[in-house]
C-alpha cells in the first residue's frame, strides 16, 4: 500500500483489537447480530429496542437491525 497510509502489522493488529473491543461492548449491552455477515456488512439489533426506518431505508436496511458494522 503506497498511498500515504502505510501500516505495519502491529498497527493493523491494534486496530483489529479496538474493533473487537467495540463489538464486545455492543454484545455486553445486549446487541445481537440479526443474521450472517455478508460482504463485510452485518446488522445488529437490541431485543428491547424497536428499529425505526424511513421509507427510503426499507429496501437497504434489515428492519430488525439498522446499525451497520463496517
PDB file of N, CA and C in Angstrom:
ATOM      1  N   UNK A   1       0.863  -1.169   0.000  1.00  0.00           N
ATOM      2  CA  UNK A   1       0.000   0.000   0.000  1.00  0.00           C
ATOM      3  C   UNK A   1       0.905   1.224   0.000  1.00  0.00           C
ATOM      4  N   UNK A   2       0.827   2.010  -1.034  1.00  0.00           N
ATOM      5  CA  UNK A   2       1.727   3.154  -1.158  1.00  0.00           C
ATOM      6  C   UNK A   2       0.934   4.442  -1.394  1.00  0.00           C
ATOM      7  N   UNK A   3      -0.131   4.618  -0.605  1.00  0.00           N
ATOM      8  CA  UNK A   3      -0.975   5.792  -0.780  1.00  0.00           C
ATOM      9  C   UNK A   3      -0.832   6.760   0.397  1.00  0.00           C
ATOM     10  N   UNK A   4       0.280   6.682   1.109  1.00  0.00           N
ATOM     11  CA  UNK A   4       0.483   7.563   2.252  1.00  0.00           C
ATOM     12  C   UNK A   4      -0.135   7.041   3.531  1.00  0.00           C
ATOM     13  N   UNK A   5      -0.775   5.874   3.474  1.00  0.00           N
ATOM     14  CA  UNK A   5      -1.407   5.301   4.658  1.00  0.00           C
ATOM     15  C   UNK A   5      -0.780   3.950   4.976  1.00  0.00           C
ATOM     16  N   UNK A   6       0.521   3.866   4.932  1.00  0.00           N
ATOM     17  CA  UNK A   6       1.196   2.605   5.218  1.00  0.00           C
ATOM     18  C   UNK A   6       0.947   2.208   6.664  1.00  0.00           C
ATOM     19  N   UNK A   7       0.754   0.931   6.873  1.00  0.00           N
ATOM     20  CA  UNK A   7       0.546   0.414   8.218  1.00  0.00           C
ATOM     21  C   UNK A   7       1.451  -0.781   8.441  1.00  0.00           C
ATOM     22  N   UNK A   8       1.870  -0.899   9.638  1.00  0.00           N
ATOM     23  CA  UNK A   8       2.622  -2.092   9.988  1.00  0.00           C
ATOM     24  C   UNK A   8       1.639  -3.157  10.457  1.00  0.00           C
ATOM     25  N   UNK A   9       2.117  -4.370  10.557  1.00  0.00           N
ATOM     26  CA  UNK A   9       1.279  -5.441  11.082  1.00  0.00           C
ATOM     27  C   UNK A   9       0.855  -5.143  12.514  1.00  0.00           C
ATOM     28  N   UNK A  10       1.746  -4.541  13.290  1.00  0.00           N
ATOM     29  CA  UNK A  10       1.385  -4.196  14.669  1.00  0.00           C
ATOM     30  C   UNK A  10       0.270  -3.150  14.711  1.00  0.00           C
ATOM     31  N   UNK A  11       0.316  -2.168  13.819  1.00  0.00           N
ATOM     32  CA  UNK A  11      -0.753  -1.162  13.765  1.00  0.00           C
ATOM     33  C   UNK A  11      -2.074  -1.795  13.334  1.00  0.00           C
ATOM     34  N   UNK A  12      -2.013  -2.693  12.370  1.00  0.00           N
ATOM     35  CA  UNK A  12      -3.218  -3.377  11.914  1.00  0.00           C
ATOM     36  C   UNK A  12      -3.810  -4.227  13.038  1.00  0.00           C
ATOM     37  N   UNK A  13      -2.959  -4.929  13.777  1.00  0.00           N
ATOM     38  CA  UNK A  13      -3.426  -5.749  14.900  1.00  0.00           C
ATOM     39  C   UNK A  13      -4.084  -4.885  15.974  1.00  0.00           C
ATOM     40  N   UNK A  14      -3.502  -3.717  16.254  1.00  0.00           N
ATOM     41  CA  UNK A  14      -4.075  -2.817  17.256  1.00  0.00           C
ATOM     42  C   UNK A  14      -5.452  -2.331  16.811  1.00  0.00           C
ATOM     43  N   UNK A  15      -5.594  -2.016  15.527  1.00  0.00           N
ATOM     44  CA  UNK A  15      -6.888  -1.557  15.009  1.00  0.00           C
ATOM     45  C   UNK A  15      -7.932  -2.675  15.131  1.00  0.00           C
ATOM     46  N   UNK A  16      -7.554  -3.893  14.796  1.00  0.00           N
ATOM     47  CA  UNK A  16      -8.480  -5.018  14.915  1.00  0.00           C
ATOM     48  C   UNK A  16      -8.877  -5.263  16.364  1.00  0.00           C
ATOM     49  N   UNK A  17      -7.937  -5.120  17.293  1.00  0.00           N
ATOM     50  CA  UNK A  17      -8.255  -5.271  18.716  1.00  0.00           C
ATOM     51  C   UNK A  17      -9.269  -4.223  19.156  1.00  0.00           C
ATOM     52  N   UNK A  18      -9.083  -2.976  18.701  1.00  0.00           N
ATOM     53  CA  UNK A  18     -10.028  -1.912  19.052  1.00  0.00           C
ATOM     54  C   UNK A  18     -11.424  -2.226  18.522  1.00  0.00           C
ATOM     55  N   UNK A  19     -11.501  -2.708  17.281  1.00  0.00           N
ATOM     56  CA  UNK A  19     -12.797  -3.069  16.706  1.00  0.00           C
ATOM     57  C   UNK A  19     -13.422  -4.226  17.482  1.00  0.00           C
ATOM     58  N   UNK A  20     -12.609  -5.212  17.865  1.00  0.00           N
ATOM     59  CA  UNK A  20     -13.115  -6.347  18.629  1.00  0.00           C
ATOM     60  C   UNK A  20     -13.659  -5.889  19.986  1.00  0.00           C
ATOM     61  N   UNK A  21     -12.966  -4.970  20.638  1.00  0.00           N
ATOM     62  CA  UNK A  21     -13.444  -4.447  21.922  1.00  0.00           C
ATOM     63  C   UNK A  21     -14.778  -3.735  21.748  1.00  0.00           C
ATOM     64  N   UNK A  22     -14.926  -2.977  20.652  1.00  0.00           N
ATOM     65  CA  UNK A  22     -16.182  -2.276  20.384  1.00  0.00           C
ATOM     66  C   UNK A  22     -17.325  -3.282  20.208  1.00  0.00           C
ATOM     67  N   UNK A  23     -17.062  -4.357  19.446  1.00  0.00           N
ATOM     68  CA  UNK A  23     -18.081  -5.388  19.251  1.00  0.00           C
ATOM     69  C   UNK A  23     -18.417  -6.089  20.563  1.00  0.00           C
ATOM     70  N   UNK A  24     -17.410  -6.340  21.393  1.00  0.00           N
ATOM     71  CA  UNK A  24     -17.657  -6.954  22.701  1.00  0.00           C
ATOM     72  C   UNK A  24     -18.502  -6.037  23.582  1.00  0.00           C
ATOM     73  N   UNK A  25     -18.262  -4.730  23.510  1.00  0.00           N
ATOM     74  CA  UNK A  25     -19.067  -3.774  24.270  1.00  0.00           C
ATOM     75  C   UNK A  25     -20.523  -3.800  23.800  1.00  0.00           C
ATOM     76  N   UNK A  26     -20.733  -3.873  22.478  1.00  0.00           N
ATOM     77  CA  UNK A  26     -22.091  -3.977  21.960  1.00  0.00           C
ATOM     78  C   UNK A  26     -22.775  -5.244  22.465  1.00  0.00           C
ATOM     79  N   UNK A  27     -22.061  -6.356  22.395  1.00  0.00           N
ATOM     80  CA  UNK A  27     -22.623  -7.622  22.867  1.00  0.00           C
ATOM     81  C   UNK A  27     -22.937  -7.545  24.361  1.00  0.00           C
ATOM     82  N   UNK A  28     -22.055  -6.924  25.124  1.00  0.00           N
ATOM     83  CA  UNK A  28     -22.282  -6.778  26.563  1.00  0.00           C
ATOM     84  C   UNK A  28     -23.497  -5.925  26.883  1.00  0.00           C
ATOM     85  N   UNK A  29     -23.852  -5.020  25.959  1.00  0.00           N
ATOM     86  CA  UNK A  29     -25.020  -4.157  26.149  1.00  0.00           C
ATOM     87  C   UNK A  29     -26.296  -4.829  25.631  1.00  0.00           C
ATOM     88  N   UNK A  30     -26.182  -6.061  25.149  1.00  0.00           N
ATOM     89  CA  UNK A  30     -27.354  -6.809  24.724  1.00  0.00           C
ATOM     90  C   UNK A  30     -27.619  -6.831  23.233  1.00  0.00           C
ATOM     91  N   UNK A  31     -26.755  -6.197  22.444  1.00  0.00           N
ATOM     92  CA  UNK A  31     -26.954  -6.207  20.995  1.00  0.00           C
ATOM     93  C   UNK A  31     -26.573  -7.568  20.439  1.00  0.00           C
ATOM     94  N   UNK A  32     -27.255  -7.953  19.361  1.00  0.00           N
ATOM     95  CA  UNK A  32     -27.016  -9.242  18.718  1.00  0.00           C
ATOM     96  C   UNK A  32     -27.001  -9.064  17.207  1.00  0.00           C
ATOM     97  N   UNK A  33     -26.270  -9.944  16.519  1.00  0.00           N
ATOM     98  CA  UNK A  33     -26.333  -9.959  15.054  1.00  0.00           C
ATOM     99  C   UNK A  33     -27.709 -10.454  14.639  1.00  0.00           C
ATOM    100  N   UNK A  34     -28.265  -9.844  13.602  1.00  0.00           N
ATOM    101  CA  UNK A  34     -29.567 -10.265  13.100  1.00  0.00           C
ATOM    102  C   UNK A  34     -29.453 -11.276  11.975  1.00  0.00           C
ATOM    103  N   UNK A  35     -28.257 -11.627  11.613  1.00  0.00           N
ATOM    104  CA  UNK A  35     -28.040 -12.589  10.547  1.00  0.00           C
ATOM    105  C   UNK A  35     -26.556 -12.686  10.277  1.00  0.00           C
ATOM    106  N   UNK A  36     -26.185 -13.415   9.255  1.00  0.00           N
ATOM    107  CA  UNK A  36     -24.767 -13.578   8.931  1.00  0.00           C
ATOM    108  C   UNK A  36     -24.150 -12.287   8.375  1.00  0.00           C
ATOM    109  N   UNK A  37     -22.846 -12.150   8.550  1.00  0.00           N
ATOM    110  CA  UNK A  37     -22.097 -11.055   7.938  1.00  0.00           C
ATOM    111  C   UNK A  37     -21.969 -11.383   6.456  1.00  0.00           C
ATOM    112  N   UNK A  38     -22.329 -10.425   5.596  1.00  0.00           N
ATOM    113  CA  UNK A  38     -22.217 -10.633   4.154  1.00  0.00           C
ATOM    114  C   UNK A  38     -21.557  -9.421   3.532  1.00  0.00           C
ATOM    115  N   UNK A  39     -20.563  -9.652   2.691  1.00  0.00           N
ATOM    116  CA  UNK A  39     -19.842  -8.572   2.012  1.00  0.00           C
ATOM    117  C   UNK A  39     -19.339  -7.529   3.000  1.00  0.00           C
ATOM    118  N   UNK A  40     -18.802  -7.981   4.117  1.00  0.00           N
ATOM    119  CA  UNK A  40     -18.244  -7.125   5.164  1.00  0.00           C
ATOM    120  C   UNK A  40     -19.276  -6.286   5.901  1.00  0.00           C
ATOM    121  N   UNK A  41     -20.562  -6.575   5.758  1.00  0.00           N
ATOM    122  CA  UNK A  41     -21.609  -5.841   6.464  1.00  0.00           C
ATOM    123  C   UNK A  41     -22.396  -6.797   7.343  1.00  0.00           C
ATOM    124  N   UNK A  42     -22.703  -6.321   8.519  1.00  0.00           N
ATOM    125  CA  UNK A  42     -23.557  -7.068   9.416  1.00  0.00           C
ATOM    126  C   UNK A  42     -24.549  -6.114  10.048  1.00  0.00           C
ATOM    127  N   UNK A  43     -25.673  -6.633  10.439  1.00  0.00           N
ATOM    128  CA  UNK A  43     -26.707  -5.819  11.057  1.00  0.00           C
ATOM    129  C   UNK A  43     -26.931  -6.301  12.472  1.00  0.00           C
ATOM    130  N   UNK A  44     -27.012  -5.363  13.385  1.00  0.00           N
ATOM    131  CA  UNK A  44     -27.245  -5.701  14.777  1.00  0.00           C
ATOM    132  C   UNK A  44     -28.511  -5.020  15.261  1.00  0.00           C
ATOM    133  N   UNK A  45     -29.068  -5.590  16.266  1.00  0.00           N
ATOM    134  CA  UNK A  45     -30.245  -5.012  16.883  1.00  0.00           C
ATOM    135  C   UNK A  45     -30.248  -5.365  18.355  1.00  0.00           C
ATOM    136  N   UNK A  46     -31.074  -4.671  19.075  1.00  0.00           N
ATOM    137  CA  UNK A  46     -31.235  -4.940  20.501  1.00  0.00           C
ATOM    138  C   UNK A  46     -32.645  -5.471  20.692  1.00  0.00           C
ATOM    139  N   UNK A  47     -32.793  -6.561  21.400  1.00  0.00           N
ATOM    140  CA  UNK A  47     -34.122  -7.157  21.540  1.00  0.00           C
ATOM    141  C   UNK A  47     -35.138  -6.241  22.230  1.00  0.00           C
ATOM    142  N   UNK A  48     -34.672  -5.256  22.983  1.00  0.00           N
ATOM    143  CA  UNK A  48     -35.582  -4.359  23.699  1.00  0.00           C
ATOM    144  C   UNK A  48     -35.873  -3.064  22.944  1.00  0.00           C
ATOM    145  N   UNK A  49     -35.288  -2.896  21.750  1.00  0.00           N
ATOM    146  CA  UNK A  49     -35.434  -1.643  21.004  1.00  0.00           C
ATOM    147  C   UNK A  49     -36.054  -1.935  19.638  1.00  0.00           C
ATOM    148  N   UNK A  50     -37.148  -1.246  19.347  1.00  0.00           N
ATOM    149  CA  UNK A  50     -37.781  -1.402  18.043  1.00  0.00           C
ATOM    150  C   UNK A  50     -37.052  -0.519  17.032  1.00  0.00           C
ATOM    151  N   UNK A  51     -36.706  -1.087  15.892  1.00  0.00           N
ATOM    152  CA  UNK A  51     -35.981  -0.343  14.866  1.00  0.00           C
ATOM    153  C   UNK A  51     -36.910   0.661  14.202  1.00  0.00           C
ATOM    154  N   UNK A  52     -36.396   1.868  13.940  1.00  0.00           N
ATOM    155  CA  UNK A  52     -37.136   2.898  13.213  1.00  0.00           C
ATOM    156  C   UNK A  52     -36.500   3.041  11.835  1.00  0.00           C
ATOM    157  N   UNK A  53     -37.313   2.959  10.789  1.00  0.00           N
ATOM    158  CA  UNK A  53     -36.799   3.077   9.430  1.00  0.00           C
ATOM    159  C   UNK A  53     -37.585   4.125   8.666  1.00  0.00           C
ATOM    160  N   UNK A  54     -36.860   4.920   7.880  1.00  0.00           N
ATOM    161  CA  UNK A  54     -37.508   5.826   6.945  1.00  0.00           C
ATOM    162  C   UNK A  54     -37.947   5.019   5.731  1.00  0.00           C
ATOM    163  N   UNK A  55     -38.859   5.558   4.945  1.00  0.00           N
ATOM    164  CA  UNK A  55     -39.313   4.855   3.740  1.00  0.00           C
ATOM    165  C   UNK A  55     -38.159   4.541   2.799  1.00  0.00           C
ATOM    166  N   UNK A  56     -37.185   5.452   2.695  1.00  0.00           N
ATOM    167  CA  UNK A  56     -36.044   5.240   1.804  1.00  0.00           C
ATOM    168  C   UNK A  56     -35.161   4.095   2.265  1.00  0.00           C
ATOM    169  N   UNK A  57     -35.170   3.797   3.545  1.00  0.00           N
ATOM    170  CA  UNK A  57     -34.292   2.771   4.092  1.00  0.00           C
ATOM    171  C   UNK A  57     -34.899   1.373   4.017  1.00  0.00           C
ATOM    172  N   UNK A  58     -36.170   1.260   3.734  1.00  0.00           N
ATOM    173  CA  UNK A  58     -36.837  -0.039   3.776  1.00  0.00           C
ATOM    174  C   UNK A  58     -36.139  -1.087   2.918  1.00  0.00           C
ATOM    175  N   UNK A  59     -35.643  -0.697   1.748  1.00  0.00           N
ATOM    176  CA  UNK A  59     -35.013  -1.651   0.846  1.00  0.00           C
ATOM    177  C   UNK A  59     -33.545  -1.886   1.165  1.00  0.00           C
ATOM    178  N   UNK A  60     -32.925  -1.001   1.948  1.00  0.00           N
ATOM    179  CA  UNK A  60     -31.490  -1.060   2.162  1.00  0.00           C
ATOM    180  C   UNK A  60     -31.083  -1.680   3.500  1.00  0.00           C
ATOM    181  N   UNK A  61     -31.949  -1.619   4.486  1.00  0.00           N
ATOM    182  CA  UNK A  61     -31.554  -1.995   5.836  1.00  0.00           C
ATOM    183  C   UNK A  61     -32.469  -3.089   6.364  1.00  0.00           C
ATOM    184  N   UNK A  62     -31.877  -4.072   6.993  1.00  0.00           N
ATOM    185  CA  UNK A  62     -32.641  -5.116   7.656  1.00  0.00           C
ATOM    186  C   UNK A  62     -33.506  -4.443   8.738  1.00  0.00           C
ATOM    187  N   UNK A  63     -34.819  -4.592   8.707  1.00  0.00           N
ATOM    188  CA  UNK A  63     -35.663  -3.878   9.660  1.00  0.00           C
ATOM    189  C   UNK A  63     -35.431  -4.307  11.109  1.00  0.00           C
ATOM    190  N   UNK A  64     -34.783  -5.431  11.331  1.00  0.00           N
ATOM    191  CA  UNK A  64     -34.513  -5.852  12.695  1.00  0.00           C
ATOM    192  C   UNK A  64     -33.245  -5.264  13.266  1.00  0.00           C
ATOM    193  N   UNK A  65     -32.455  -4.537  12.480  1.00  0.00           N
ATOM    194  CA  UNK A  65     -31.216  -4.005  12.999  1.00  0.00           C
ATOM    195  C   UNK A  65     -30.593  -2.978  12.091  1.00  0.00           C
ATOM    196  N   UNK A  66     -30.871  -1.696  12.291  1.00  0.00           N
ATOM    197  CA  UNK A  66     -30.382  -0.687  11.360  1.00  0.00           C
ATOM    198  C   UNK A  66     -28.932  -0.275  11.533  1.00  0.00           C
ATOM    199  N   UNK A  67     -28.219  -0.786  12.509  1.00  0.00           N
ATOM    200  CA  UNK A  67     -26.832  -0.383  12.704  1.00  0.00           C
ATOM    201  C   UNK A  67     -25.924  -1.208  11.820  1.00  0.00           C
ATOM    202  N   UNK A  68     -25.193  -0.545  10.895  1.00  0.00           N
ATOM    203  CA  UNK A  68     -24.271  -1.263  10.006  1.00  0.00           C
ATOM    204  C   UNK A  68     -22.895  -1.310  10.623  1.00  0.00           C
ATOM    205  N   UNK A  69     -22.293  -2.474  10.608  1.00  0.00           N
ATOM    206  CA  UNK A  69     -20.911  -2.638  11.064  1.00  0.00           C
ATOM    207  C   UNK A  69     -20.028  -2.687   9.848  1.00  0.00           C
ATOM    208  N   UNK A  70     -19.184  -1.707   9.727  1.00  0.00           N
ATOM    209  CA  UNK A  70     -18.329  -1.653   8.560  1.00  0.00           C
ATOM    210  C   UNK A  70     -16.927  -1.355   8.979  1.00  0.00           C
TER     211      UNK A  70
END
